[in-house]
Amino acid sequence: MHEKSPQSPCWHTSSYGSAAEMSGLERSELGAHFTTCQTVRGRLHHLKSSVDTLHGLVSARFITCTLVVVAVATAGYLAL
């Protein structure tokens, strides 16, 4: 169940021709949101990030990675 805050932030979506500025309330709400997201992600975020990095490496060099795996498997088989 979601709790409604008694004081909702006032978000400004237009700068009316001047430089866009964040209000103090918007900045504090954004900081609270980032803190909540960081807490929720935890250890699984690091695991997913590592898997994504490995996937990017392997998918970009699929043939090379396949040849390395085959070479290591062949060397292991011949060593037995």
PDB file of N, CA and C in Angstrom:
ATOM      1  N   MET A   1       0.847  -1.170   0.000  1.00  0.00           N
ATOM      2  CA  MET A   1       0.000   0.000   0.000  1.00  0.00           C
ATOM      3  C   MET A   1       0.890   1.231   0.000  1.00  0.00           C
ATOM      4  N   HIS A   2       0.587   2.184  -0.828  1.00  0.00           N
ATOM      5  CA  HIS A   2       1.361   3.416  -0.926  1.00  0.00           C
ATOM      6  C   HIS A   2       0.801   4.462   0.036  1.00  0.00           C
ATOM      7  N   GLU A   3       1.698   5.129   0.718  1.00  0.00           N
ATOM      8  CA  GLU A   3       1.284   6.203   1.614  1.00  0.00           C
ATOM      9  C   GLU A   3       1.414   7.523   0.879  1.00  0.00           C
ATOM     10  N   LYS A   4       0.421   8.368   1.025  1.00  0.00           N
ATOM     11  CA  LYS A   4       0.453   9.688   0.411  1.00  0.00           C
ATOM     12  C   LYS A   4       1.146  10.656   1.360  1.00  0.00           C
ATOM     13  N   SER A   5       2.057  11.421   0.825  1.00  0.00           N
ATOM     14  CA  SER A   5       2.746  12.426   1.614  1.00  0.00           C
ATOM     15  C   SER A   5       1.819  13.626   1.792  1.00  0.00           C
ATOM     16  N   PRO A   6       1.749  14.183   3.010  1.00  0.00           N
ATOM     17  CA  PRO A   6       0.875  15.341   3.209  1.00  0.00           C
ATOM     18  C   PRO A   6       1.371  16.568   2.429  1.00  0.00           C
ATOM     19  N   GLN A   7       2.675  16.629   2.173  1.00  0.00           N
ATOM     20  CA  GLN A   7       3.230  17.752   1.438  1.00  0.00           C
ATOM     21  C   GLN A   7       3.837  17.224   0.141  1.00  0.00           C
ATOM     22  N   SER A   8       3.093  17.334  -0.937  1.00  0.00           N
ATOM     23  CA  SER A   8       3.610  16.834  -2.203  1.00  0.00           C
ATOM     24  C   SER A   8       4.512  17.890  -2.834  1.00  0.00           C
ATOM     25  N   PRO A   9       5.563  17.448  -3.524  1.00  0.00           N
ATOM     26  CA  PRO A   9       6.476  18.416  -4.126  1.00  0.00           C
ATOM     27  C   PRO A   9       5.823  19.144  -5.296  1.00  0.00           C
ATOM     28  N   CYS A  10       6.236  20.347  -5.517  1.00  0.00           N
ATOM     29  CA  CYS A  10       5.731  21.146  -6.627  1.00  0.00           C
ATOM     30  C   CYS A  10       6.761  21.081  -7.749  1.00  0.00           C
ATOM     31  N   TRP A  11       6.491  20.288  -8.784  1.00  0.00           N
ATOM     32  CA  TRP A  11       7.431  20.111  -9.879  1.00  0.00           C
ATOM     33  C   TRP A  11       7.180  21.165 -10.949  1.00  0.00           C
ATOM     34  N   HIS A  12       8.243  21.833 -11.372  1.00  0.00           N
ATOM     35  CA  HIS A  12       8.154  22.832 -12.420  1.00  0.00           C
ATOM     36  C   HIS A  12       8.674  22.211 -13.712  1.00  0.00           C
ATOM     37  N   THR A  13       7.873  22.266 -14.751  1.00  0.00           N
ATOM     38  CA  THR A  13       8.268  21.647 -16.007  1.00  0.00           C
ATOM     39  C   THR A  13       8.607  22.659 -17.084  1.00  0.00           C
ATOM     40  N   SER A  14       8.548  23.931 -16.776  1.00  0.00           N
ATOM     41  CA  SER A  14       8.860  24.952 -17.763  1.00  0.00           C
ATOM     42  C   SER A  14       9.721  26.028 -17.120  1.00  0.00           C
ATOM     43  N   SER A  15      10.643  26.573 -17.895  1.00  0.00           N
ATOM     44  CA  SER A  15      11.516  27.615 -17.350  1.00  0.00           C
ATOM     45  C   SER A  15      11.059  29.001 -17.798  1.00  0.00           C
ATOM     46  N   TYR A  16      10.004  29.074 -18.600  1.00  0.00           N
ATOM     47  CA  TYR A  16       9.434  30.346 -19.058  1.00  0.00           C
ATOM     48  C   TYR A  16      10.488  31.263 -19.660  1.00  0.00           C
ATOM     49  N   GLY A  17      11.345  30.731 -20.530  1.00  0.00           N
ATOM     50  CA  GLY A  17      12.315  31.539 -21.236  1.00  0.00           C
ATOM     51  C   GLY A  17      13.595  31.830 -20.493  1.00  0.00           C
ATOM     52  N   SER A  18      13.697  31.436 -19.229  1.00  0.00           N
ATOM     53  CA  SER A  18      14.939  31.663 -18.473  1.00  0.00           C
ATOM     54  C   SER A  18      15.628  30.319 -18.235  1.00  0.00           C
ATOM     55  N   ALA A  19      16.776  30.366 -17.585  1.00  0.00           N
ATOM     56  CA  ALA A  19      17.512  29.140 -17.288  1.00  0.00           C
ATOM     57  C   ALA A  19      16.710  28.266 -16.323  1.00  0.00           C
ATOM     58  N   ALA A  20      16.683  26.968 -16.590  1.00  0.00           N
ATOM     59  CA  ALA A  20      15.936  26.039 -15.729  1.00  0.00           C
ATOM     60  C   ALA A  20      16.675  25.846 -14.413  1.00  0.00           C
ATOM     61  N   GLU A  21      15.984  25.987 -13.328  1.00  0.00           N
ATOM     62  CA  GLU A  21      16.553  25.820 -11.992  1.00  0.00           C
ATOM     63  C   GLU A  21      15.696  24.825 -11.216  1.00  0.00           C
ATOM     64  N   MET A  22      16.350  24.025 -10.360  1.00  0.00           N
ATOM     65  CA  MET A  22      15.616  23.114  -9.480  1.00  0.00           C
ATOM     66  C   MET A  22      15.360  23.813  -8.156  1.00  0.00           C
ATOM     67  N   SER A  23      14.181  23.620  -7.613  1.00  0.00           N
ATOM     68  CA  SER A  23      13.896  24.179  -6.297  1.00  0.00           C
ATOM     69  C   SER A  23      14.546  23.300  -5.237  1.00  0.00           C
ATOM     70  N   GLY A  24      14.646  23.806  -4.047  1.00  0.00           N
ATOM     71  CA  GLY A  24      15.226  23.045  -2.939  1.00  0.00           C
ATOM     72  C   GLY A  24      14.433  21.778  -2.645  1.00  0.00           C
ATOM     73  N   LEU A  25      13.106  21.871  -2.725  1.00  0.00           N
ATOM     74  CA  LEU A  25      12.254  20.708  -2.465  1.00  0.00           C
ATOM     75  C   LEU A  25      12.455  19.647  -3.549  1.00  0.00           C
ATOM     76  N   GLU A  26      12.558  20.082  -4.808  1.00  0.00           N
ATOM     77  CA  GLU A  26      12.809  19.134  -5.893  1.00  0.00           C
ATOM     78  C   GLU A  26      14.150  18.443  -5.709  1.00  0.00           C
ATOM     79  N   ARG A  27      15.160  19.199  -5.332  1.00  0.00           N
ATOM     80  CA  ARG A  27      16.497  18.640  -5.129  1.00  0.00           C
ATOM     81  C   ARG A  27      16.501  17.625  -3.979  1.00  0.00           C
ATOM     82  N   SER A  28      15.807  17.940  -2.897  1.00  0.00           N
ATOM     83  CA  SER A  28      15.786  17.009  -1.761  1.00  0.00           C
ATOM     84  C   SER A  28      14.990  15.748  -2.098  1.00  0.00           C
ATOM     85  N   GLU A  29      13.892  15.900  -2.855  1.00  0.00           N
ATOM     86  CA  GLU A  29      13.109  14.738  -3.270  1.00  0.00           C
ATOM     87  C   GLU A  29      13.918  13.845  -4.204  1.00  0.00           C
ATOM     88  N   LEU A  30      14.674  14.450  -5.103  1.00  0.00           N
ATOM     89  CA  LEU A  30      15.513  13.676  -6.020  1.00  0.00           C
ATOM     90  C   LEU A  30      16.600  12.935  -5.244  1.00  0.00           C
ATOM     91  N   GLY A  31      17.205  13.594  -4.253  1.00  0.00           N
ATOM     92  CA  GLY A  31      18.203  12.941  -3.410  1.00  0.00           C
ATOM     93  C   GLY A  31      17.621  11.770  -2.637  1.00  0.00           C
ATOM     94  N   ALA A  32      16.414  11.954  -2.102  1.00  0.00           N
ATOM     95  CA  ALA A  32      15.752  10.860  -1.378  1.00  0.00           C
ATOM     96  C   ALA A  32      15.446   9.704  -2.320  1.00  0.00           C
ATOM     97  N   HIS A  33      15.039  10.013  -3.547  1.00  0.00           N
ATOM     98  CA  HIS A  33      14.755   8.964  -4.533  1.00  0.00           C
ATOM     99  C   HIS A  33      16.022   8.188  -4.870  1.00  0.00           C
ATOM    100  N   PHE A  34      17.133   8.884  -5.096  1.00  0.00           N
ATOM    101  CA  PHE A  34      18.399   8.205  -5.395  1.00  0.00           C
ATOM    102  C   PHE A  34      18.846   7.326  -4.234  1.00  0.00           C
ATOM    103  N   THR A  35      18.682   7.803  -3.012  1.00  0.00           N
ATOM    104  CA  THR A  35      19.052   7.010  -1.843  1.00  0.00           C
ATOM    105  C   THR A  35      18.210   5.743  -1.764  1.00  0.00           C
ATOM    106  N   THR A  36      16.914   5.870  -2.011  1.00  0.00           N
ATOM    107  CA  THR A  36      16.026   4.703  -1.986  1.00  0.00           C
ATOM    108  C   THR A  36      16.409   3.706  -3.074  1.00  0.00           C
ATOM    109  N   CYS A  37      16.674   4.198  -4.272  1.00  0.00           N
ATOM    110  CA  CYS A  37      17.056   3.305  -5.376  1.00  0.00           C
ATOM    111  C   CYS A  37      18.369   2.597  -5.079  1.00  0.00           C
ATOM    112  N   GLN A  38      19.335   3.312  -4.522  1.00  0.00           N
ATOM    113  CA  GLN A  38      20.631   2.719  -4.195  1.00  0.00           C
ATOM    114  C   GLN A  38      20.467   1.623  -3.150  1.00  0.00           C
ATOM    115  N   THR A  39      19.599   1.838  -2.172  1.00  0.00           N
ATOM    116  CA  THR A  39      19.359   0.849  -1.120  1.00  0.00           C
ATOM    117  C   THR A  39      18.690  -0.397  -1.686  1.00  0.00           C
ATOM    118  N   VAL A  40      17.737  -0.210  -2.586  1.00  0.00           N
ATOM    119  CA  VAL A  40      16.979  -1.330  -3.139  1.00  0.00           C
ATOM    120  C   VAL A  40      17.860  -2.200  -4.031  1.00  0.00           C
ATOM    121  N   ARG A  41      18.754  -1.583  -4.784  1.00  0.00           N
ATOM    122  CA  ARG A  41      19.562  -2.345  -5.741  1.00  0.00           C
ATOM    123  C   ARG A  41      20.498  -3.317  -5.043  1.00  0.00           C
ATOM    124  N   GLY A  42      21.278  -2.870  -4.078  1.00  0.00           N
ATOM    125  CA  GLY A  42      22.146  -3.736  -3.296  1.00  0.00           C
ATOM    126  C   GLY A  42      23.129  -4.563  -4.102  1.00  0.00           C
ATOM    127  N   ARG A  43      23.383  -5.787  -3.627  1.00  0.00           N
ATOM    128  CA  ARG A  43      24.383  -6.678  -4.217  1.00  0.00           C
ATOM    129  C   ARG A  43      23.990  -7.189  -5.592  1.00  0.00           C
ATOM    130  N   LEU A  44      22.705  -7.369  -5.818  1.00  0.00           N
ATOM    131  CA  LEU A  44      22.275  -7.905  -7.114  1.00  0.00           C
ATOM    132  C   LEU A  44      22.605  -6.941  -8.257  1.00  0.00           C
ATOM    133  N   HIS A  45      22.657  -5.652  -7.961  1.00  0.00           N
ATOM    134  CA  HIS A  45      23.024  -4.689  -8.990  1.00  0.00           C
ATOM    135  C   HIS A  45      24.461  -4.931  -9.452  1.00  0.00           C
ATOM    136  N   HIS A  46      25.359  -5.207  -8.525  1.00  0.00           N
ATOM    137  CA  HIS A  46      26.759  -5.462  -8.886  1.00  0.00           C
ATOM    138  C   HIS A  46      26.876  -6.751  -9.710  1.00  0.00           C
ATOM    139  N   LEU A  47      26.111  -7.773  -9.356  1.00  0.00           N
ATOM    140  CA  LEU A  47      26.117  -9.021 -10.106  1.00  0.00           C
ATOM    141  C   LEU A  47      25.592  -8.796 -11.526  1.00  0.00           C
ATOM    142  N   LYS A  48      24.472  -8.084 -11.642  1.00  0.00           N
ATOM    143  CA  LYS A  48      23.909  -7.808 -12.963  1.00  0.00           C
ATOM    144  C   LYS A  48      24.860  -6.961 -13.799  1.00  0.00           C
ATOM    145  N   SER A  49      25.509  -6.003 -13.171  1.00  0.00           N
ATOM    146  CA  SER A  49      26.470  -5.165 -13.891  1.00  0.00           C
ATOM    147  C   SER A  49      27.635  -5.999 -14.414  1.00  0.00           C
ATOM    148  N   SER A  50      28.122  -6.929 -13.595  1.00  0.00           N
ATOM    149  CA  SER A  50      29.217  -7.805 -14.022  1.00  0.00           C
ATOM    150  C   SER A  50      28.791  -8.717 -15.163  1.00  0.00           C
ATOM    151  N   VAL A  51      27.596  -9.265 -15.075  1.00  0.00           N
ATOM    152  CA  VAL A  51      27.082 -10.138 -16.130  1.00  0.00           C
ATOM    153  C   VAL A  51      26.889  -9.348 -17.425  1.00  0.00           C
ATOM    154  N   ASP A  52      26.387  -8.121 -17.325  1.00  0.00           N
ATOM    155  CA  ASP A  52      26.224  -7.282 -18.516  1.00  0.00           C
ATOM    156  C   ASP A  52      27.570  -6.975 -19.169  1.00  0.00           C
ATOM    157  N   THR A  53      28.589  -6.713 -18.353  1.00  0.00           N
ATOM    158  CA  THR A  53      29.923  -6.451 -18.885  1.00  0.00           C
ATOM    159  C   THR A  53      30.472  -7.680 -19.600  1.00  0.00           C
ATOM    160  N   LEU A  54      30.330  -8.849 -18.975  1.00  0.00           N
ATOM    161  CA  LEU A  54      30.791 -10.094 -19.585  1.00  0.00           C
ATOM    162  C   LEU A  54      30.028 -10.380 -20.878  1.00  0.00           C
ATOM    163  N   HIS A  55      28.723 -10.159 -20.870  1.00  0.00           N
ATOM    164  CA  HIS A  55      27.917 -10.368 -22.070  1.00  0.00           C
ATOM    165  C   HIS A  55      28.375  -9.442 -23.191  1.00  0.00           C
ATOM    166  N   GLY A  56      28.664  -8.190 -22.875  1.00  0.00           N
ATOM    167  CA  GLY A  56      29.149  -7.253 -23.885  1.00  0.00           C
ATOM    168  C   GLY A  56      30.473  -7.693 -24.475  1.00  0.00           C
ATOM    169  N   LEU A  57      31.352  -8.219 -23.634  1.00  0.00           N
ATOM    170  CA  LEU A  57      32.662  -8.691 -24.103  1.00  0.00           C
ATOM    171  C   LEU A  57      32.503  -9.908 -25.016  1.00  0.00           C
ATOM    172  N   VAL A  58      31.710 -10.875 -24.580  1.00  0.00           N
ATOM    173  CA  VAL A  58      31.546 -12.115 -25.346  1.00  0.00           C
ATOM    174  C   VAL A  58      30.773 -11.865 -26.639  1.00  0.00           C
ATOM    175  N   SER A  59      29.718 -11.068 -26.584  1.00  0.00           N
ATOM    176  CA  SER A  59      28.920 -10.859 -27.797  1.00  0.00           C
ATOM    177  C   SER A  59      29.691 -10.079 -28.862  1.00  0.00           C
ATOM    178  N   ALA A  60      30.593  -9.202 -28.444  1.00  0.00           N
ATOM    179  CA  ALA A  60      31.384  -8.445 -29.416  1.00  0.00           C
ATOM    180  C   ALA A  60      32.478  -9.309 -30.032  1.00  0.00           C
ATOM    181  N   ARG A  61      32.924 -10.322 -29.314  1.00  0.00           N
ATOM    182  CA  ARG A  61      34.026 -11.184 -29.767  1.00  0.00           C
ATOM    183  C   ARG A  61      33.614 -12.648 -29.703  1.00  0.00           C
ATOM    184  N   PHE A  62      32.464 -12.972 -30.275  1.00  0.00           N
ATOM    185  CA  PHE A  62      31.899 -14.309 -30.155  1.00  0.00           C
ATOM    186  C   PHE A  62      32.817 -15.370 -30.763  1.00  0.00           C
ATOM    187  N   ILE A  63      33.313 -15.143 -31.953  1.00  0.00           N
ATOM    188  CA  ILE A  63      34.159 -16.137 -32.631  1.00  0.00           C
ATOM    189  C   ILE A  63      35.455 -16.337 -31.848  1.00  0.00           C
ATOM    190  N   THR A  64      36.075 -15.254 -31.410  1.00  0.00           N
ATOM    191  CA  THR A  64      37.320 -15.364 -30.646  1.00  0.00           C
ATOM    192  C   THR A  64      37.094 -16.124 -29.345  1.00  0.00           C
ATOM    193  N   CYS A  65      36.017 -15.798 -28.626  1.00  0.00           N
ATOM    194  CA  CYS A  65      35.725 -16.491 -27.364  1.00  0.00           C
ATOM    195  C   CYS A  65      35.444 -17.974 -27.602  1.00  0.00           C
ATOM    196  N   THR A  66      34.732 -18.288 -28.692  1.00  0.00           N
ATOM    197  CA  THR A  66      34.453 -19.687 -29.020  1.00  0.00           C
ATOM    198  C   THR A  66      35.746 -20.440 -29.303  1.00  0.00           C
ATOM    199  N   LEU A  67      36.644 -19.826 -30.071  1.00  0.00           N
ATOM    200  CA  LEU A  67      37.920 -20.480 -30.376  1.00  0.00           C
ATOM    201  C   LEU A  67      38.768 -20.673 -29.121  1.00  0.00           C
ATOM    202  N   VAL A  68      38.756 -19.719 -28.207  1.00  0.00           N
ATOM    203  CA  VAL A  68      39.511 -19.860 -26.960  1.00  0.00           C
ATOM    204  C   VAL A  68      38.941 -20.992 -26.121  1.00  0.00           C
ATOM    205  N   VAL A  69      37.625 -21.086 -26.018  1.00  0.00           N
ATOM    206  CA  VAL A  69      37.003 -22.170 -25.243  1.00  0.00           C
ATOM    207  C   VAL A  69      37.329 -23.522 -25.870  1.00  0.00           C
ATOM    208  N   VAL A  70      37.264 -23.621 -27.191  1.00  0.00           N
ATOM    209  CA  VAL A  70      37.587 -24.879 -27.875  1.00  0.00           C
ATOM    210  C   VAL A  70      39.057 -25.229 -27.668  1.00  0.00           C
ATOM    211  N   ALA A  71      39.952 -24.248 -27.753  1.00  0.00           N
ATOM    212  CA  ALA A  71      41.380 -24.506 -27.558  1.00  0.00           C
ATOM    213  C   ALA A  71      41.672 -24.978 -26.136  1.00  0.00           C
ATOM    214  N   VAL A  72      41.047 -24.361 -25.148  1.00  0.00           N
ATOM    215  CA  VAL A  72      41.258 -24.779 -23.752  1.00  0.00           C
ATOM    216  C   VAL A  72      40.686 -26.168 -23.525  1.00  0.00           C
ATOM    217  N   ALA A  73      39.509 -26.451 -24.089  1.00  0.00           N
ATOM    218  CA  ALA A  73      38.905 -27.775 -23.932  1.00  0.00           C
ATOM    219  C   ALA A  73      39.766 -28.833 -24.609  1.00  0.00           C
ATOM    220  N   THR A  74      40.312 -28.545 -25.779  1.00  0.00           N
ATOM    221  CA  THR A  74      41.168 -29.479 -26.491  1.00  0.00           C
ATOM    222  C   THR A  74      42.454 -29.730 -25.722  1.00  0.00           C
ATOM    223  N   ALA A  75      43.055 -28.672 -25.188  1.00  0.00           N
ATOM    224  CA  ALA A  75      44.275 -28.823 -24.393  1.00  0.00           C
ATOM    225  C   ALA A  75      44.017 -29.648 -23.142  1.00  0.00           C
ATOM    226  N   GLY A  76      42.870 -29.430 -22.524  1.00  0.00           N
ATOM    227  CA  GLY A  76      42.502 -30.220 -21.346  1.00  0.00           C
ATOM    228  C   GLY A  76      42.277 -31.682 -21.675  1.00  0.00           C
ATOM    229  N   TYR A  77      41.654 -31.953 -22.813  1.00  0.00           N
ATOM    230  CA  TYR A  77      41.402 -33.315 -23.256  1.00  0.00           C
ATOM    231  C   TYR A  77      42.701 -34.032 -23.577  1.00  0.00           C
ATOM    232  N   LEU A  78      43.626 -33.337 -24.258  1.00  0.00           N
ATOM    233  CA  LEU A  78      44.913 -33.952 -24.605  1.00  0.00           C
ATOM    234  C   LEU A  78      45.816 -34.157 -23.387  1.00  0.00           C
ATOM    235  N   ALA A  79      45.623 -33.315 -22.369  1.00  0.00           N
ATOM    236  CA  ALA A  79      46.451 -33.460 -21.162  1.00  0.00           C
ATOM    237  C   ALA A  79      46.038 -34.689 -20.349  1.00  0.00           C
ATOM    238  N   LEU A  80      44.833 -35.173 -20.535  1.00  0.00           N
ATOM    239  CA  LEU A  80      44.385 -36.361 -19.806  1.00  0.00           C
ATOM    240  C   LEU A  80      44.967 -37.563 -20.475  1.00  0.00           C
TER     241      LEU A  80
END
